[in-house]
Amino acid sequence: MGFKDGELLIINEQKIIVDANTGEIEGVLPSGTTFETPDQKKSRHEILDAKSQQKFFVRSECGKFFWSLYQPEEKYFGEVSDSMLSRIVYLMTYLAYDKNYLVVRDDCSAPYRPMCKEDVQKVIGLSARRFGDFWSDLMATQIISEQPDGKLVVCDKFRRGKLGKKAKRNMSAIKIFDSCVRYIYEHTTTKSHRYLAYLYRLIPYINTSYNVFCSNPEETRRDKIRWMTAKEMCWVLGLDDSNESRVISTLFKLTFVDVNGDERSVITRVQNYKNGENRNFIVINPQFYQGYNVSPQEAAALVKEFMLEKNTNAEFERGDESARLD
């Protein structure tokens, strides 16, 4: 026997509703009925409100997105070249909602239809000779597979739509936004696609709550995050750290126009002086890709830092931020 939250009395497994003030019995809940306490109801409403805010922010500031599933701190599609990776991610912006194949439409008023090989050649921007080599290499990856009917089916590492717990089991997930990916791919040279791939290679090191590169990407406490320096990022990419300045400079040149028509940078740099060394850290624009656990408040605060006229290199005083950037 016992009271639960002063409103529910349980006797011999029966749930009896009582008046919290008088103790008088007001009724009996039918067998199998669930009971929600005021605290549980408040918690449920808070969760629903947070989800609503997240959907509003994504829709208004970032646009459509697809999910990429990966293992934290493991190589991101290490078996494919940088140029191939950039093109594969670009093709994923054509992934159908709640389907596992690519779609396209002939004009803005036409319905979507399954994308075929000829469509890929049109959107990917390669000559007929180069496309032939690309297609052979693409099919060899099995990330995209051509079916007998010509439909292009995508592996389960990419999804669009609701992502259930089963799909994400033992893996992490990141939102990658169509508008930004397409703009950068379509407005940069083939050579520059290599640097775009650098940002994809670093996805396993993005903190899922704060969108910064770090060595503990699942950490949810800001003060516990171990930020990665730009030199460490070069090591992850297989580059000598003498390339640090060139890589940062090149990544700064990757810009896009967001869904609201504002010109944005993809990255911004944070500088920190520690132990006699000037260290560089990279923050990624959540309109490009975004950890699955980033709150709309965190994302909104971050987005403000990527307007091109505002995106100057941030310098934190050693005494203020050195602990956070350890």
Protein backbone atom coordinates (compact mmCIF):
# COMPACT_ATOMS: atom_id res chain seq x y z
CA MET A 1 0.00 0.00 0.00
CA GLY A 2 1.26 3.51 -0.66
CA PHE A 3 0.53 6.92 -2.09
CA LYS A 4 2.13 8.04 -5.34
CA ASP A 5 2.35 11.81 -5.80
CA GLY A 6 -0.53 12.15 -3.32
CA GLU A 7 -3.16 11.33 -5.97
CA LEU A 8 -2.94 7.61 -6.66
CA LEU A 9 -3.42 4.87 -4.07
CA ILE A 10 -2.36 1.36 -5.05
CA ILE A 11 -4.13 -1.48 -3.21
CA ASN A 12 -3.64 -5.09 -4.33
CA GLU A 13 -2.39 -3.83 -7.71
CA GLN A 14 -5.59 -1.75 -8.19
CA LYS A 15 -5.06 1.93 -9.01
CA ILE A 16 -7.50 3.97 -6.96
CA ILE A 17 -7.84 7.73 -7.47
CA VAL A 18 -8.11 9.64 -4.18
CA ASP A 19 -8.51 13.28 -3.21
CA ALA A 20 -5.05 14.48 -2.14
CA ASN A 21 -6.55 16.69 0.60
CA THR A 22 -9.38 14.60 2.06
CA GLY A 23 -8.28 11.06 1.21
CA GLU A 24 -11.73 10.26 -0.20
CA ILE A 25 -11.88 7.72 -3.01
CA GLU A 26 -12.87 9.35 -6.32
CA GLY A 27 -12.66 6.37 -8.63
CA VAL A 28 -10.75 3.31 -9.84
CA LEU A 29 -8.61 3.26 -12.96
CA PRO A 30 -9.41 0.37 -15.32
CA SER A 31 -6.82 -2.40 -15.55
CA GLY A 32 -3.97 -1.52 -17.92
CA THR A 33 -4.51 2.23 -17.61
CA THR A 34 -1.29 4.27 -17.42
CA PHE A 35 -0.99 7.11 -14.94
CA GLU A 36 0.94 10.32 -15.62
CA THR A 37 2.06 12.42 -12.68
CA PRO A 38 2.22 16.24 -12.95
CA ASP A 39 6.04 16.05 -13.12
CA GLN A 40 5.89 13.44 -15.88
CA LYS A 41 3.36 15.54 -17.79
CA LYS A 42 5.57 18.62 -17.47
CA SER A 43 8.61 16.67 -18.66
CA ARG A 44 6.70 15.33 -21.66
CA HIS A 45 5.55 18.83 -22.61
CA GLU A 46 9.12 20.13 -22.32
CA ILE A 47 10.38 17.39 -24.64
CA LEU A 48 7.63 18.10 -27.16
CA ASP A 49 8.37 21.84 -26.99
CA ALA A 50 12.10 21.24 -27.56
CA LYS A 51 11.33 19.07 -30.58
CA SER A 52 8.99 21.74 -31.94
CA GLN A 53 11.68 24.42 -31.53
CA GLN A 54 14.24 22.17 -33.23
CA LYS A 55 11.96 21.56 -36.22
CA PHE A 56 11.21 25.29 -36.53
CA PHE A 57 14.89 26.25 -36.44
CA VAL A 58 15.91 23.62 -38.98
CA ARG A 59 13.07 24.56 -41.34
CA SER A 60 13.61 28.33 -41.09
CA GLU A 61 17.42 28.52 -40.98
CA CYS A 62 18.81 25.34 -42.54
CA GLY A 63 16.27 23.75 -44.88
CA LYS A 64 16.01 20.10 -45.90
CA PHE A 65 18.54 17.60 -44.63
CA PHE A 66 19.49 13.94 -44.71
CA TRP A 67 21.14 11.82 -42.05
CA SER A 68 24.60 10.31 -42.24
CA LEU A 69 25.28 7.44 -39.83
CA TYR A 70 28.84 6.74 -38.74
CA GLN A 71 31.10 5.42 -35.99
CA PRO A 72 32.58 8.19 -33.79
CA GLU A 73 36.34 8.64 -34.16
CA GLU A 74 36.58 6.12 -37.00
CA LYS A 75 37.46 6.93 -40.61
CA TYR A 76 34.53 8.37 -42.54
CA PHE A 77 34.26 6.30 -45.74
CA GLY A 78 38.02 5.84 -45.71
CA GLU A 79 37.83 3.45 -48.67
CA VAL A 80 36.84 6.19 -51.16
CA SER A 81 38.85 9.10 -52.55
CA ASP A 82 38.25 12.71 -51.52
CA SER A 83 36.69 13.64 -54.86
CA MET A 84 34.45 10.57 -54.79
CA LEU A 85 33.33 11.35 -51.24
CA SER A 86 32.36 14.92 -52.19
CA ARG A 87 30.30 13.64 -55.13
CA ILE A 88 28.61 10.92 -53.10
CA VAL A 89 27.52 13.39 -50.40
CA TYR A 90 26.28 15.73 -53.13
CA LEU A 91 24.20 12.93 -54.65
CA MET A 92 22.66 12.25 -51.25
CA THR A 93 20.89 15.61 -51.50
CA TYR A 94 18.68 13.76 -54.04
CA LEU A 95 17.74 11.03 -51.55
CA ALA A 96 13.97 10.46 -51.32
CA TYR A 97 12.09 11.02 -48.07
CA ASP A 98 11.65 7.75 -46.15
CA LYS A 99 12.95 5.82 -49.16
CA ASN A 100 16.35 4.30 -49.94
CA TYR A 101 16.79 5.57 -53.49
CA LEU A 102 17.67 8.81 -55.31
CA VAL A 103 14.98 10.93 -56.97
CA VAL A 104 14.86 13.90 -59.32
CA ARG A 105 12.25 15.92 -61.16
CA ASP A 106 12.42 17.36 -64.65
CA ASP A 107 11.22 20.81 -63.57
CA CYS A 108 9.87 22.51 -60.46
CA SER A 109 6.27 21.63 -61.35
CA ALA A 110 6.90 17.98 -62.22
CA PRO A 111 6.58 15.11 -59.70
CA TYR A 112 9.68 13.38 -58.37
CA ARG A 113 10.79 10.22 -60.15
CA PRO A 114 13.62 7.76 -59.51
CA MET A 115 16.98 9.09 -60.62
CA CYS A 116 18.91 7.05 -63.20
CA LYS A 117 22.49 6.98 -64.47
CA GLU A 118 21.82 9.61 -67.14
CA ASP A 119 20.44 11.99 -64.50
CA VAL A 120 23.56 11.57 -62.40
CA GLN A 121 25.73 12.55 -65.36
CA LYS A 122 23.68 15.73 -65.79
CA VAL A 123 23.90 16.86 -62.16
CA ILE A 124 27.41 15.71 -61.26
CA GLY A 125 29.13 18.03 -63.77
CA LEU A 126 31.68 15.69 -65.39
CA SER A 127 32.55 15.17 -69.05
CA ALA A 128 31.37 11.95 -70.72
CA ARG A 129 34.89 10.45 -70.55
CA ARG A 130 35.46 11.32 -66.91
CA PHE A 131 31.95 10.29 -65.96
CA GLY A 132 32.55 6.76 -67.25
CA ASP A 133 35.48 6.32 -64.86
CA PHE A 134 33.54 7.94 -62.04
CA TRP A 135 30.55 5.66 -62.54
CA SER A 136 32.67 2.50 -62.46
CA ASP A 137 34.36 3.65 -59.25
CA LEU A 138 31.03 4.68 -57.72
CA MET A 139 29.44 1.28 -58.36
CA ALA A 140 32.51 -0.40 -56.85
CA THR A 141 31.91 1.41 -53.53
CA GLN A 142 28.41 -0.14 -53.21
CA ILE A 143 27.34 3.01 -51.39
CA ILE A 144 25.01 3.52 -54.34
CA SER A 145 23.86 0.52 -56.38
CA GLU A 146 22.13 0.47 -59.76
CA GLN A 147 19.12 -1.87 -59.86
CA PRO A 148 17.95 -3.79 -62.97
CA ASP A 149 15.21 -1.19 -63.48
CA GLY A 150 17.78 1.64 -63.35
CA LYS A 151 16.80 2.84 -59.86
CA LEU A 152 19.76 4.00 -57.74
CA VAL A 153 19.54 2.48 -54.26
CA VAL A 154 21.53 3.92 -51.35
CA CYS A 155 23.18 1.96 -48.54
CA ASP A 156 21.86 2.23 -44.97
CA LYS A 157 24.55 4.74 -43.92
CA PHE A 158 22.39 7.52 -45.37
CA ARG A 159 18.75 8.22 -44.54
CA ARG A 160 16.16 10.94 -45.01
CA GLY A 161 13.17 11.20 -42.73
CA LYS A 162 12.56 10.03 -39.20
CA LEU A 163 15.53 8.21 -37.75
CA GLY A 164 14.46 5.52 -35.29
CA LYS A 165 16.52 4.18 -32.41
CA LYS A 166 17.07 0.91 -34.26
CA ALA A 167 18.71 2.68 -37.22
CA LYS A 168 21.04 4.58 -34.90
CA ARG A 169 21.95 1.61 -32.69
CA ASN A 170 25.67 1.60 -31.82
CA MET A 171 26.24 4.49 -34.21
CA SER A 172 26.14 8.27 -34.23
CA ALA A 173 24.23 10.44 -36.70
CA ILE A 174 24.60 13.88 -38.20
CA LYS A 175 22.27 16.11 -40.19
CA ILE A 176 23.74 17.29 -43.51
CA PHE A 177 21.82 20.10 -45.20
CA ASP A 178 20.95 19.99 -48.90
CA SER A 179 21.09 23.71 -49.64
CA CYS A 180 24.61 24.24 -48.33
CA VAL A 181 26.06 21.07 -49.86
CA ARG A 182 24.59 21.82 -53.28
CA TYR A 183 25.62 25.46 -53.28
CA ILE A 184 29.24 24.75 -52.39
CA TYR A 185 29.56 21.81 -54.77
CA GLU A 186 28.01 23.70 -57.67
CA HIS A 187 29.96 26.92 -57.07
CA THR A 188 33.46 25.52 -56.59
CA THR A 189 35.95 23.93 -58.95
CA THR A 190 36.54 20.20 -59.12
CA LYS A 191 39.87 20.79 -57.40
CA SER A 192 38.15 22.51 -54.48
CA HIS A 193 35.93 19.46 -53.92
CA ARG A 194 38.97 17.88 -52.29
CA TYR A 195 38.81 20.45 -49.49
CA LEU A 196 35.08 19.98 -49.13
CA ALA A 197 35.86 16.30 -48.52
CA TYR A 198 38.14 17.31 -45.63
CA LEU A 199 35.08 18.56 -43.75
CA TYR A 200 33.27 15.29 -44.40
CA ARG A 201 36.28 13.27 -43.21
CA LEU A 202 36.10 15.14 -39.90
CA ILE A 203 32.44 14.27 -39.23
CA PRO A 204 33.34 11.49 -36.74
CA TYR A 205 35.03 14.16 -34.58
CA ILE A 206 32.17 16.67 -34.48
CA ASN A 207 30.71 17.13 -31.03
CA THR A 208 27.08 16.03 -31.22
CA SER A 209 25.91 18.81 -28.87
CA TYR A 210 28.13 21.81 -29.70
CA ASN A 211 29.28 21.35 -33.34
CA VAL A 212 32.99 21.73 -32.61
CA PHE A 213 35.73 19.28 -33.56
CA CYS A 214 36.98 17.37 -30.54
CA SER A 215 38.39 14.04 -29.37
CA ASN A 216 35.30 13.20 -27.27
CA PRO A 217 32.42 13.86 -29.69
CA GLU A 218 29.68 12.32 -27.51
CA GLU A 219 30.49 14.57 -24.51
CA THR A 220 27.47 16.67 -23.48
CA ARG A 221 29.17 18.91 -20.89
CA ARG A 222 30.78 21.91 -22.54
CA ASP A 223 33.54 22.21 -19.93
CA LYS A 224 34.59 18.60 -20.56
CA ILE A 225 35.03 18.89 -24.32
CA ARG A 226 38.59 18.25 -25.54
CA TRP A 227 38.81 20.50 -28.57
CA MET A 228 40.94 19.36 -31.51
CA THR A 229 43.53 21.80 -32.74
CA ALA A 230 43.86 22.46 -36.46
CA LYS A 231 47.17 20.59 -36.35
CA GLU A 232 45.45 17.53 -34.90
CA MET A 233 42.84 17.80 -37.64
CA CYS A 234 45.61 17.70 -40.22
CA TRP A 235 46.89 14.49 -38.64
CA VAL A 236 43.42 12.94 -38.86
CA LEU A 237 43.30 13.90 -42.55
CA GLY A 238 46.70 12.29 -43.14
CA LEU A 239 48.39 15.64 -43.75
CA ASP A 240 51.60 16.97 -42.30
CA ASP A 241 50.90 19.71 -39.74
CA SER A 242 52.94 22.11 -41.90
CA ASN A 243 49.73 22.27 -44.01
CA GLU A 244 47.75 23.81 -41.13
CA SER A 245 47.66 27.41 -42.39
CA ARG A 246 46.92 26.40 -45.98
CA VAL A 247 44.07 24.09 -44.97
CA ILE A 248 42.47 26.72 -42.72
CA SER A 249 42.85 29.40 -45.39
CA THR A 250 41.27 27.16 -48.05
CA LEU A 251 38.37 26.10 -45.84
CA PHE A 252 37.63 29.77 -45.12
CA LYS A 253 37.05 30.24 -48.84
CA LEU A 254 34.16 27.74 -48.80
CA THR A 255 31.06 29.94 -48.60
CA PHE A 256 27.40 29.55 -49.46
CA VAL A 257 24.12 31.44 -49.60
CA ASP A 258 21.70 30.05 -47.02
CA VAL A 259 17.95 29.45 -47.34
CA ASN A 260 17.28 33.07 -46.32
CA GLY A 261 19.64 34.54 -48.92
CA ASP A 262 22.46 35.43 -46.49
CA GLU A 263 26.06 34.71 -47.45
CA ARG A 264 27.78 32.50 -44.89
CA SER A 265 31.11 30.87 -44.26
CA VAL A 266 31.29 27.14 -43.58
CA ILE A 267 33.85 27.43 -40.79
CA THR A 268 35.12 29.96 -38.33
CA ARG A 269 38.36 29.89 -36.39
CA VAL A 270 38.95 30.27 -32.68
CA GLN A 271 42.47 31.12 -31.52
CA ASN A 272 43.88 30.39 -28.10
CA TYR A 273 47.35 31.02 -26.66
CA LYS A 274 48.61 28.30 -24.31
CA ASN A 275 52.05 27.16 -23.15
CA GLY A 276 53.81 29.55 -25.50
CA GLU A 277 51.89 28.33 -28.57
CA ASN A 278 49.15 29.99 -30.59
CA ARG A 279 46.58 27.26 -31.20
CA ASN A 280 43.84 27.22 -33.85
CA PHE A 281 40.46 25.53 -33.47
CA ILE A 282 37.69 25.12 -36.03
CA VAL A 283 33.94 25.54 -35.46
CA ILE A 284 31.57 24.28 -38.16
CA ASN A 285 28.47 26.13 -39.33
CA PRO A 286 25.37 24.16 -38.21
CA GLN A 287 23.72 25.11 -41.50
CA PHE A 288 26.26 22.85 -43.23
CA TYR A 289 26.09 19.88 -40.92
CA GLN A 290 24.90 19.53 -37.37
CA GLY A 291 25.27 17.01 -34.55
CA TYR A 292 22.05 15.15 -33.73
CA ASN A 293 21.97 16.56 -30.18
CA VAL A 294 22.60 20.27 -30.94
CA SER A 295 19.82 22.33 -29.35
CA PRO A 296 18.07 25.04 -31.40
CA GLN A 297 19.37 27.64 -28.93
CA GLU A 298 22.96 26.47 -29.41
CA ALA A 299 22.58 26.29 -33.19
CA ALA A 300 20.97 29.75 -33.40
CA ALA A 301 23.81 31.27 -31.35
CA LEU A 302 26.39 29.58 -33.59
CA VAL A 303 24.78 30.63 -36.87
CA LYS A 304 25.22 34.31 -35.98
CA GLU A 305 29.00 33.84 -36.09
CA PHE A 306 29.09 32.77 -39.73
CA MET A 307 27.75 35.88 -41.47
CA LEU A 308 30.65 36.85 -43.71
CA GLU A 309 30.87 40.45 -42.52
CA LYS A 310 31.04 39.14 -38.91
CA ASN A 311 33.25 36.12 -39.46
CA THR A 312 36.57 37.43 -38.28
CA ASN A 313 38.99 35.18 -36.48
CA ALA A 314 37.90 35.05 -32.85
CA GLU A 315 40.68 35.41 -30.34
CA PHE A 316 40.05 34.34 -26.77
CA GLU A 317 42.21 35.65 -23.99
CA ARG A 318 44.29 32.97 -22.37
CA GLY A 319 42.77 33.52 -18.96
CA ASP A 320 39.18 33.36 -20.21
CA GLU A 321 38.99 30.34 -22.46
CA SER A 322 42.09 28.23 -22.00
CA ALA A 323 40.27 25.75 -19.78
CA ARG A 324 37.48 25.23 -22.29
CA LEU A 325 39.96 24.69 -25.10
CA ASP A 326 42.20 22.19 -23.35
